[in-house]
PDB file of N, CA and C in Angstrom:
ATOM      1  N   MET A   1     -41.138 -41.906  78.877  1.00  0.00           N
ATOM      2  CA  MET A   1     -40.346 -41.009  77.997  1.00  0.00           C
ATOM      3  C   MET A   1     -40.611 -39.572  78.656  1.00  0.00           C
ATOM      4  N   LYS A   2     -41.685 -39.695  78.887  1.00  0.00           N
ATOM      5  CA  LYS A   2     -42.155 -38.547  79.703  1.00  0.00           C
ATOM      6  C   LYS A   2     -41.520 -37.702  81.026  1.00  0.00           C
ATOM      7  N   THR A   3     -40.931 -38.827  81.836  1.00  0.00           N
ATOM      8  CA  THR A   3     -40.320 -38.496  83.096  1.00  0.00           C
ATOM      9  C   THR A   3     -38.829 -37.999  82.911  1.00  0.00           C
ATOM     10  N   SER A   4     -38.424 -38.679  81.331  1.00  0.00           N
ATOM     11  CA  SER A   4     -37.170 -38.111  81.459  1.00  0.00           C
ATOM     12  C   SER A   4     -37.090 -36.881  80.885  1.00  0.00           C
ATOM     13  N   LEU A   5     -38.154 -35.832  79.984  1.00  0.00           N
ATOM     14  CA  LEU A   5     -38.077 -34.684  79.376  1.00  0.00           C
ATOM     15  C   LEU A   5     -38.297 -34.302  80.810  1.00  0.00           C
ATOM     16  N   ARG A   6     -39.615 -34.053  81.380  1.00  0.00           N
ATOM     17  CA  ARG A   6     -40.225 -33.665  83.117  1.00  0.00           C
ATOM     18  C   ARG A   6     -38.635 -33.554  83.696  1.00  0.00           C
ATOM     19  N   ASN A   7     -37.800 -34.693  84.193  1.00  0.00           N
ATOM     20  CA  ASN A   7     -36.261 -34.531  84.740  1.00  0.00           C
ATOM     21  C   ASN A   7     -35.501 -33.447  83.741  1.00  0.00           C
ATOM     22  N   LYS A   8     -35.350 -33.548  82.860  1.00  0.00           N
ATOM     23  CA  LYS A   8     -34.200 -32.532  81.861  1.00  0.00           C
ATOM     24  C   LYS A   8     -35.033 -30.967  82.644  1.00  0.00           C
ATOM     25  N   ASN A   9     -36.152 -30.985  82.394  1.00  0.00           N
ATOM     26  CA  ASN A   9     -36.648 -29.618  82.942  1.00  0.00           C
ATOM     27  C   ASN A   9     -36.742 -29.214  84.270  1.00  0.00           C
ATOM     28  N   HIS A  10     -36.966 -30.053  84.905  1.00  0.00           N
ATOM     29  CA  HIS A  10     -36.440 -29.845  86.424  1.00  0.00           C
ATOM     30  C   HIS A  10     -34.530 -29.700  86.676  1.00  0.00           C
ATOM     31  N   ASN A  11     -34.031 -30.240  85.883  1.00  0.00           N
ATOM     32  CA  ASN A  11     -31.912 -30.398  85.836  1.00  0.00           C
ATOM     33  C   ASN A  11     -32.234 -28.487  85.422  1.00  0.00           C
ATOM     34  N   TRP A  12     -32.666 -28.091  84.459  1.00  0.00           N
ATOM     35  CA  TRP A  12     -32.682 -26.670  83.602  1.00  0.00           C
ATOM     36  C   TRP A  12     -33.199 -25.357  85.111  1.00  0.00           C
ATOM     37  N   LEU A  13     -33.719 -26.255  85.812  1.00  0.00           N
ATOM     38  CA  LEU A  13     -34.402 -25.461  86.247  1.00  0.00           C
ATOM     39  C   LEU A  13     -33.776 -24.862  88.003  1.00  0.00           C
ATOM     40  N   LEU A  14     -33.559 -26.393  88.387  1.00  0.00           N
ATOM     41  CA  LEU A  14     -32.628 -26.693  89.370  1.00  0.00           C
ATOM     42  C   LEU A  14     -30.993 -25.567  88.782  1.00  0.00           C
ATOM     43  N   LEU A  15     -30.400 -26.139  87.729  1.00  0.00           N
ATOM     44  CA  LEU A  15     -29.279 -24.875  87.651  1.00  0.00           C
ATOM     45  C   LEU A  15     -29.150 -23.451  87.428  1.00  0.00           C
ATOM     46  N   SER A  16     -30.459 -23.176  86.932  1.00  0.00           N
ATOM     47  CA  SER A  16     -30.614 -21.547  86.709  1.00  0.00           C
ATOM     48  C   SER A  16     -30.861 -21.212  88.352  1.00  0.00           C
ATOM     49  N   ILE A  17     -31.745 -22.202  89.127  1.00  0.00           N
ATOM     50  CA  ILE A  17     -32.177 -21.054  90.451  1.00  0.00           C
ATOM     51  C   ILE A  17     -30.655 -20.947  91.546  1.00  0.00           C
ATOM     52  N   LEU A  18     -29.682 -22.404  90.821  1.00  0.00           N
ATOM     53  CA  LEU A  18     -28.316 -21.941  92.027  1.00  0.00           C
ATOM     54  C   LEU A  18     -27.621 -21.576  90.888  1.00  0.00           C
ATOM     55  N   MET A  19     -27.102 -21.296  89.954  1.00  0.00           N
ATOM     56  CA  MET A  19     -26.741 -19.992  89.244  1.00  0.00           C
ATOM     57  C   MET A  19     -27.064 -18.538  89.650  1.00  0.00           C
ATOM     58  N   ILE A  20     -27.757 -18.112  89.916  1.00  0.00           N
ATOM     59  CA  ILE A  20     -28.736 -17.115  90.573  1.00  0.00           C
ATOM     60  C   ILE A  20     -28.326 -17.118  92.026  1.00  0.00           C
ATOM     61  N   ILE A  21     -28.462 -18.153  93.013  1.00  0.00           N
ATOM     62  CA  ILE A  21     -28.170 -17.677  93.937  1.00  0.00           C
ATOM     63  C   ILE A  21     -26.632 -17.991  94.180  1.00  0.00           C
ATOM     64  N   GLY A  22     -25.639 -18.658  93.165  1.00  0.00           N
ATOM     65  CA  GLY A  22     -24.436 -18.306  93.020  1.00  0.00           C
ATOM     66  C   GLY A  22     -23.775 -16.709  92.765  1.00  0.00           C
ATOM     67  N   LEU A  23     -24.665 -16.130  92.301  1.00  0.00           N
ATOM     68  CA  LEU A  23     -24.357 -14.411  91.415  1.00  0.00           C
ATOM     69  C   LEU A  23     -24.429 -13.960  92.368  1.00  0.00           C
ATOM     70  N   ILE A  24     -25.598 -13.813  93.770  1.00  0.00           N
ATOM     71  CA  ILE A  24     -25.915 -13.445  94.420  1.00  0.00           C
ATOM     72  C   ILE A  24     -24.587 -13.201  95.875  1.00  0.00           C
ATOM     73  N   LEU A  25     -24.679 -14.341  95.687  1.00  0.00           N
ATOM     74  CA  LEU A  25     -24.166 -15.092  97.377  1.00  0.00           C
ATOM     75  C   LEU A  25     -22.656 -14.476  96.773  1.00  0.00           C
ATOM     76  N   GLY A  26     -22.090 -14.954  95.729  1.00  0.00           N
ATOM     77  CA  GLY A  26     -20.851 -14.271  95.120  1.00  0.00           C
ATOM     78  C   GLY A  26     -20.705 -12.653  95.281  1.00  0.00           C
ATOM     79  N   SER A  27     -21.757 -12.188  95.024  1.00  0.00           N
ATOM     80  CA  SER A  27     -21.436 -10.734  94.941  1.00  0.00           C
ATOM     81  C   SER A  27     -21.086 -10.146  95.966  1.00  0.00           C
ATOM     82  N   LEU A  28     -22.077 -10.418  97.396  1.00  0.00           N
ATOM     83  CA  LEU A  28     -22.060 -10.126  98.741  1.00  0.00           C
ATOM     84  C   LEU A  28     -21.119 -10.808  99.506  1.00  0.00           C
ATOM     85  N   LEU A  29     -20.546 -11.552  98.763  1.00  0.00           N
ATOM     86  CA  LEU A  29     -19.258 -12.171  99.620  1.00  0.00           C
ATOM     87  C   LEU A  29     -17.592 -11.330  99.214  1.00  0.00           C
ATOM     88  N   GLY A  30     -17.981 -10.537  97.947  1.00  0.00           N
ATOM     89  CA  GLY A  30     -16.882 -10.320  97.659  1.00  0.00           C
ATOM     90  C   GLY A  30     -17.361  -9.042  98.035  1.00  0.00           C
ATOM     91  N   GLN A  31     -18.478  -8.284  98.092  1.00  0.00           N
ATOM     92  CA  GLN A  31     -18.578  -6.639  98.862  1.00  0.00           C
ATOM     93  C   GLN A  31     -18.136  -6.591 100.525  1.00  0.00           C
ATOM     94  N   VAL A  32     -18.802  -7.450 100.694  1.00  0.00           N
ATOM     95  CA  VAL A  32     -17.782  -7.929 101.995  1.00  0.00           C
ATOM     96  C   VAL A  32     -16.211  -7.974 102.367  1.00  0.00           C
ATOM     97  N   LEU A  33     -16.017  -8.647 101.702  1.00  0.00           N
ATOM     98  CA  LEU A  33     -14.088  -9.068 101.683  1.00  0.00           C
ATOM     99  C   LEU A  33     -13.525  -8.246 100.621  1.00  0.00           C
ATOM    100  N   LYS A  34     -14.011  -7.079 100.349  1.00  0.00           N
ATOM    101  CA  LYS A  34     -13.341  -6.294  99.541  1.00  0.00           C
ATOM    102  C   LYS A  34     -12.459  -5.157 100.294  1.00  0.00           C
ATOM    103  N   PRO A  35     -12.572  -4.981 101.305  1.00  0.00           N
ATOM    104  CA  PRO A  35     -11.881  -4.253 102.120  1.00  0.00           C
ATOM    105  C   PRO A  35     -10.353  -5.386 102.191  1.00  0.00           C
ATOM    106  N   TYR A  36     -10.932  -6.336 102.904  1.00  0.00           N
ATOM    107  CA  TYR A  36      -9.374  -7.330 102.921  1.00  0.00           C
ATOM    108  C   TYR A  36      -8.895  -8.171 102.035  1.00  0.00           C
ATOM    109  N   LEU A  37      -9.884  -8.541 101.175  1.00  0.00           N
ATOM    110  CA  LEU A  37      -9.241  -9.062  99.304  1.00  0.00           C
ATOM    111  C   LEU A  37      -9.998  -8.248  98.469  1.00  0.00           C
ATOM    112  N   PRO A  38      -8.986  -7.298  98.186  1.00  0.00           N
ATOM    113  CA  PRO A  38      -9.574  -6.234  97.145  1.00  0.00           C
ATOM    114  C   PRO A  38      -9.467  -7.069  95.725  1.00  0.00           C
ATOM    115  N   PHE A  39      -8.408  -7.778  95.296  1.00  0.00           N
ATOM    116  CA  PHE A  39      -9.002  -7.879  94.280  1.00  0.00           C
ATOM    117  C   PHE A  39     -10.297  -9.132  94.403  1.00  0.00           C
ATOM    118  N   LEU A  40     -11.086  -9.799  94.807  1.00  0.00           N
ATOM    119  CA  LEU A  40     -12.345  -9.802  94.552  1.00  0.00           C
ATOM    120  C   LEU A  40     -13.112  -9.201  93.901  1.00  0.00           C
ATOM    121  N   ALA A  41     -12.554  -7.767  93.742  1.00  0.00           N
ATOM    122  CA  ALA A  41     -13.557  -6.586  93.067  1.00  0.00           C
ATOM    123  C   ALA A  41     -13.359  -5.997  92.149  1.00  0.00           C
ATOM    124  N   ILE A  42     -12.024  -6.713  91.425  1.00  0.00           N
ATOM    125  CA  ILE A  42     -11.674  -6.871  89.986  1.00  0.00           C
ATOM    126  C   ILE A  42     -13.049  -7.355  89.173  1.00  0.00           C
ATOM    127  N   GLY A  43     -13.932  -6.189  87.931  1.00  0.00           N
ATOM    128  CA  GLY A  43     -14.145  -6.460  87.327  1.00  0.00           C
ATOM    129  C   GLY A  43     -15.278  -6.110  86.394  1.00  0.00           C
ATOM    130  N   GLN A  44     -15.836  -6.067  85.615  1.00  0.00           N
ATOM    131  CA  GLN A  44     -16.933  -5.369  84.495  1.00  0.00           C
ATOM    132  C   GLN A  44     -18.203  -4.806  84.587  1.00  0.00           C
ATOM    133  N   SER A  45     -18.595  -4.051  84.592  1.00  0.00           N
ATOM    134  CA  SER A  45     -19.976  -3.566  84.628  1.00  0.00           C
ATOM    135  C   SER A  45     -20.415  -3.347  82.634  1.00  0.00           C
ATOM    136  N   LEU A  46     -21.734  -3.808  82.767  1.00  0.00           N
ATOM    137  CA  LEU A  46     -22.714  -3.536  81.769  1.00  0.00           C
ATOM    138  C   LEU A  46     -24.263  -2.844  81.872  1.00  0.00           C
ATOM    139  N   GLU A  47     -24.275  -2.176  81.146  1.00  0.00           N
ATOM    140  CA  GLU A  47     -25.358  -0.994  81.236  1.00  0.00           C
ATOM    141  C   GLU A  47     -25.577  -0.354  80.127  1.00  0.00           C
ATOM    142  N   LEU A  48     -27.217  -1.035  81.154  1.00  0.00           N
ATOM    143  CA  LEU A  48     -28.090   0.377  79.501  1.00  0.00           C
ATOM    144  C   LEU A  48     -28.724   1.050  79.958  1.00  0.00           C
ATOM    145  N   GLN A  49     -28.372   2.291  79.706  1.00  0.00           N
ATOM    146  CA  GLN A  49     -29.538   3.767  80.496  1.00  0.00           C
ATOM    147  C   GLN A  49     -30.582   3.762  80.283  1.00  0.00           C
ATOM    148  N   PRO A  50     -31.293   4.128  80.963  1.00  0.00           N
ATOM    149  CA  PRO A  50     -32.646   3.898  81.217  1.00  0.00           C
ATOM    150  C   PRO A  50     -33.403   4.778  79.960  1.00  0.00           C
ATOM    151  N   ARG A  51     -34.590   5.130  79.444  1.00  0.00           N
ATOM    152  CA  ARG A  51     -35.127   5.413  78.398  1.00  0.00           C
ATOM    153  C   ARG A  51     -35.957   5.832  78.139  1.00  0.00           C
ATOM    154  N   PRO A  52     -36.691   6.439  78.642  1.00  0.00           N
ATOM    155  CA  PRO A  52     -38.066   6.875  78.974  1.00  0.00           C
ATOM    156  C   PRO A  52     -38.705   6.601  77.442  1.00  0.00           C
ATOM    157  N   PHE A  53     -40.103   6.089  77.562  1.00  0.00           N
ATOM    158  CA  PHE A  53     -41.067   5.837  76.632  1.00  0.00           C
ATOM    159  C   PHE A  53     -42.406   6.537  77.451  1.00  0.00           C
ATOM    160  N   SER A  54     -42.691   7.272  76.098  1.00  0.00           N
ATOM    161  CA  SER A  54     -44.005   7.768  76.815  1.00  0.00           C
ATOM    162  C   SER A  54     -45.161   7.827  75.850  1.00  0.00           C
ATOM    163  N   ILE A  55     -46.355   8.150  75.926  1.00  0.00           N
ATOM    164  CA  ILE A  55     -47.560   8.187  74.588  1.00  0.00           C
ATOM    165  C   ILE A  55     -48.861   9.005  75.313  1.00  0.00           C
ATOM    166  N   ALA A  56     -48.546  10.411  74.418  1.00  0.00           N
ATOM    167  CA  ALA A  56     -48.823  11.499  74.544  1.00  0.00           C
ATOM    168  C   ALA A  56     -49.214  11.974  76.305  1.00  0.00           C
ATOM    169  N   ASP A  57     -48.482  11.779  76.644  1.00  0.00           N
ATOM    170  CA  ASP A  57     -47.640  12.752  78.793  1.00  0.00           C
ATOM    171  C   ASP A  57     -48.674  11.566  79.564  1.00  0.00           C
ATOM    172  N   VAL A  58     -48.986  10.608  78.811  1.00  0.00           N
ATOM    173  CA  VAL A  58     -50.096   9.971  79.889  1.00  0.00           C
ATOM    174  C   VAL A  58     -49.766   8.787  80.454  1.00  0.00           C
ATOM    175  N   PHE A  59     -48.557   8.000  79.421  1.00  0.00           N
ATOM    176  CA  PHE A  59     -48.463   6.793  80.650  1.00  0.00           C
ATOM    177  C   PHE A  59     -46.807   7.438  79.617  1.00  0.00           C
ATOM    178  N   SER A  60     -46.067   6.899  80.979  1.00  0.00           N
ATOM    179  CA  SER A  60     -44.659   6.912  80.422  1.00  0.00           C
ATOM    180  C   SER A  60     -43.804   5.283  81.398  1.00  0.00           C
ATOM    181  N   LEU A  61     -42.687   5.169  80.242  1.00  0.00           N
ATOM    182  CA  LEU A  61     -42.214   3.998  80.893  1.00  0.00           C
ATOM    183  C   LEU A  61     -40.861   3.619  80.642  1.00  0.00           C
ATOM    184  N   THR A  62     -39.501   3.205  81.606  1.00  0.00           N
ATOM    185  CA  THR A  62     -38.456   3.470  81.468  1.00  0.00           C
ATOM    186  C   THR A  62     -38.208   2.085  81.788  1.00  0.00           C
ATOM    187  N   PHE A  63     -37.381   2.264  81.066  1.00  0.00           N
ATOM    188  CA  PHE A  63     -36.255   0.806  81.451  1.00  0.00           C
ATOM    189  C   PHE A  63     -34.490   1.025  81.432  1.00  0.00           C
ATOM    190  N   GLY A  64     -33.708   0.135  82.498  1.00  0.00           N
ATOM    191  CA  GLY A  64     -33.028   0.195  82.128  1.00  0.00           C
ATOM    192  C   GLY A  64     -32.521  -1.209  82.949  1.00  0.00           C
ATOM    193  N   PHE A  65     -30.975  -0.991  82.842  1.00  0.00           N
ATOM    194  CA  PHE A  65     -30.329  -2.616  83.027  1.00  0.00           C
ATOM    195  C   PHE A  65     -28.903  -2.266  83.306  1.00  0.00           C
ATOM    196  N   SER A  66     -28.236  -2.934  84.303  1.00  0.00           N
ATOM    197  CA  SER A  66     -27.335  -3.043  84.859  1.00  0.00           C
ATOM    198  C   SER A  66     -27.049  -4.179  85.932  1.00  0.00           C
ATOM    199  N   ILE A  67     -25.370  -4.434  85.546  1.00  0.00           N
ATOM    200  CA  ILE A  67     -24.780  -5.415  85.817  1.00  0.00           C
ATOM    201  C   ILE A  67     -23.639  -5.913  85.804  1.00  0.00           C
ATOM    202  N   ARG A  68     -22.965  -6.170  87.603  1.00  0.00           N
ATOM    203  CA  ARG A  68     -21.285  -6.139  87.083  1.00  0.00           C
ATOM    204  C   ARG A  68     -21.292  -7.633  87.309  1.00  0.00           C
ATOM    205  N   PHE A  69     -19.741  -7.837  86.731  1.00  0.00           N
ATOM    206  CA  PHE A  69     -19.399  -9.505  87.219  1.00  0.00           C
ATOM    207  C   PHE A  69     -18.104  -8.415  87.521  1.00  0.00           C
ATOM    208  N   ASP A  70     -17.447  -9.088  88.769  1.00  0.00           N
ATOM    209  CA  ASP A  70     -16.574  -9.390  89.598  1.00  0.00           C
ATOM    210  C   ASP A  70     -16.002 -10.859  89.551  1.00  0.00           C
ATOM    211  N   LEU A  71     -14.987 -10.683  90.582  1.00  0.00           N
ATOM    212  CA  LEU A  71     -14.053 -12.075  90.691  1.00  0.00           C
ATOM    213  C   LEU A  71     -14.762 -12.773  91.604  1.00  0.00           C
ATOM    214  N   ALA A  72     -15.512 -12.560  92.345  1.00  0.00           N
ATOM    215  CA  ALA A  72     -16.220 -13.138  93.222  1.00  0.00           C
ATOM    216  C   ALA A  72     -17.715 -13.613  92.646  1.00  0.00           C
ATOM    217  N   THR A  73     -18.411 -12.845  92.395  1.00  0.00           N
ATOM    218  CA  THR A  73     -19.261 -13.417  91.373  1.00  0.00           C
ATOM    219  C   THR A  73     -18.981 -14.563  90.649  1.00  0.00           C
ATOM    220  N   LEU A  74     -17.961 -14.405  90.121  1.00  0.00           N
ATOM    221  CA  LEU A  74     -17.708 -15.338  88.874  1.00  0.00           C
ATOM    222  C   LEU A  74     -17.150 -16.777  89.443  1.00  0.00           C
ATOM    223  N   ILE A  75     -16.249 -17.080  90.922  1.00  0.00           N
ATOM    224  CA  ILE A  75     -16.419 -17.756  92.007  1.00  0.00           C
ATOM    225  C   ILE A  75     -17.550 -18.420  92.551  1.00  0.00           C
ATOM    226  N   GLY A  76     -18.594 -17.149  93.282  1.00  0.00           N
ATOM    227  CA  GLY A  76     -19.738 -18.324  92.992  1.00  0.00           C
ATOM    228  C   GLY A  76     -20.573 -18.744  92.743  1.00  0.00           C
ATOM    229  N   ILE A  77     -20.631 -18.156  91.090  1.00  0.00           N
ATOM    230  CA  ILE A  77     -21.054 -19.010  89.777  1.00  0.00           C
ATOM    231  C   ILE A  77     -20.155 -20.312  89.676  1.00  0.00           C
ATOM    232  N   ILE A  78     -19.076 -20.390  89.140  1.00  0.00           N
ATOM    233  CA  ILE A  78     -18.767 -21.914  89.668  1.00  0.00           C
ATOM    234  C   ILE A  78     -18.950 -22.629  90.840  1.00  0.00           C
ATOM    235  N   ILE A  79     -18.733 -22.589  92.205  1.00  0.00           N
ATOM    236  CA  ILE A  79     -19.317 -23.267  93.153  1.00  0.00           C
ATOM    237  C   ILE A  79     -20.981 -23.592  93.187  1.00  0.00           C
ATOM    238  N   ALA A  80     -21.576 -22.930  92.456  1.00  0.00           N
ATOM    239  CA  ALA A  80     -22.902 -23.269  92.216  1.00  0.00           C
ATOM    240  C   ALA A  80     -23.384 -24.268  91.056  1.00  0.00           C
ATOM    241  N   PHE A  81     -21.933 -24.245  90.443  1.00  0.00           N
ATOM    242  CA  PHE A  81     -22.216 -24.953  89.027  1.00  0.00           C
ATOM    243  C   PHE A  81     -21.601 -26.438  89.927  1.00  0.00           C
ATOM    244  N   PHE A  82     -20.518 -26.339  90.776  1.00  0.00           N
ATOM    245  CA  PHE A  82     -19.936 -27.166  90.816  1.00  0.00           C
ATOM    246  C   PHE A  82     -21.026 -28.386  92.176  1.00  0.00           C
ATOM    247  N   ILE A  83     -21.879 -27.429  92.471  1.00  0.00           N
ATOM    248  CA  ILE A  83     -23.157 -27.808  93.756  1.00  0.00           C
ATOM    249  C   ILE A  83     -23.962 -28.738  92.773  1.00  0.00           C
ATOM    250  N   TYR A  84     -24.276 -28.514  91.781  1.00  0.00           N
ATOM    251  CA  TYR A  84     -25.656 -28.600  90.521  1.00  0.00           C
ATOM    252  C   TYR A  84     -24.491 -30.400  90.241  1.00  0.00           C
ATOM    253  N   ARG A  85     -23.559 -30.042  89.990  1.00  0.00           N
ATOM    254  CA  ARG A  85     -23.047 -31.436  89.495  1.00  0.00           C
ATOM    255  C   ARG A  85     -23.003 -32.419  90.568  1.00  0.00           C
ATOM    256  N   ARG A  86     -22.757 -31.858  91.431  1.00  0.00           N
ATOM    257  CA  ARG A  86     -22.951 -32.983  93.226  1.00  0.00           C
ATOM    258  C   ARG A  86     -24.366 -33.473  93.057  1.00  0.00           C
ATOM    259  N   LEU A  87     -25.590 -32.804  92.999  1.00  0.00           N
ATOM    260  CA  LEU A  87     -26.324 -33.037  93.272  1.00  0.00           C
ATOM    261  C   LEU A  87     -27.361 -33.742  92.062  1.00  0.00           C
ATOM    262  N   ASP A  88     -26.460 -33.876  90.843  1.00  0.00           N
ATOM    263  CA  ASP A  88     -26.617 -34.447  89.830  1.00  0.00           C
ATOM    264  C   ASP A  88     -26.587 -36.105  89.877  1.00  0.00           C
TER     265      ASP A  88
END
């Protein structure tokens, strides 16, 4: 029973790693191919603007977040998922 649970955790870790790699490689591929295949750059971005948080002007912390999904990124994620299915 323990090996089964451990194997499931390993599978989720492997899937997460492959999805992140697919996300990055798809995005890079989209940037490289954008001059030749402009439809790969069609997408949306999600941003959370940086908001500073300070305590008595001694400590300041700023959080911001931005992610862009385009067609090339989606293709990279799909390919990563198919690679995961082949490995599993």
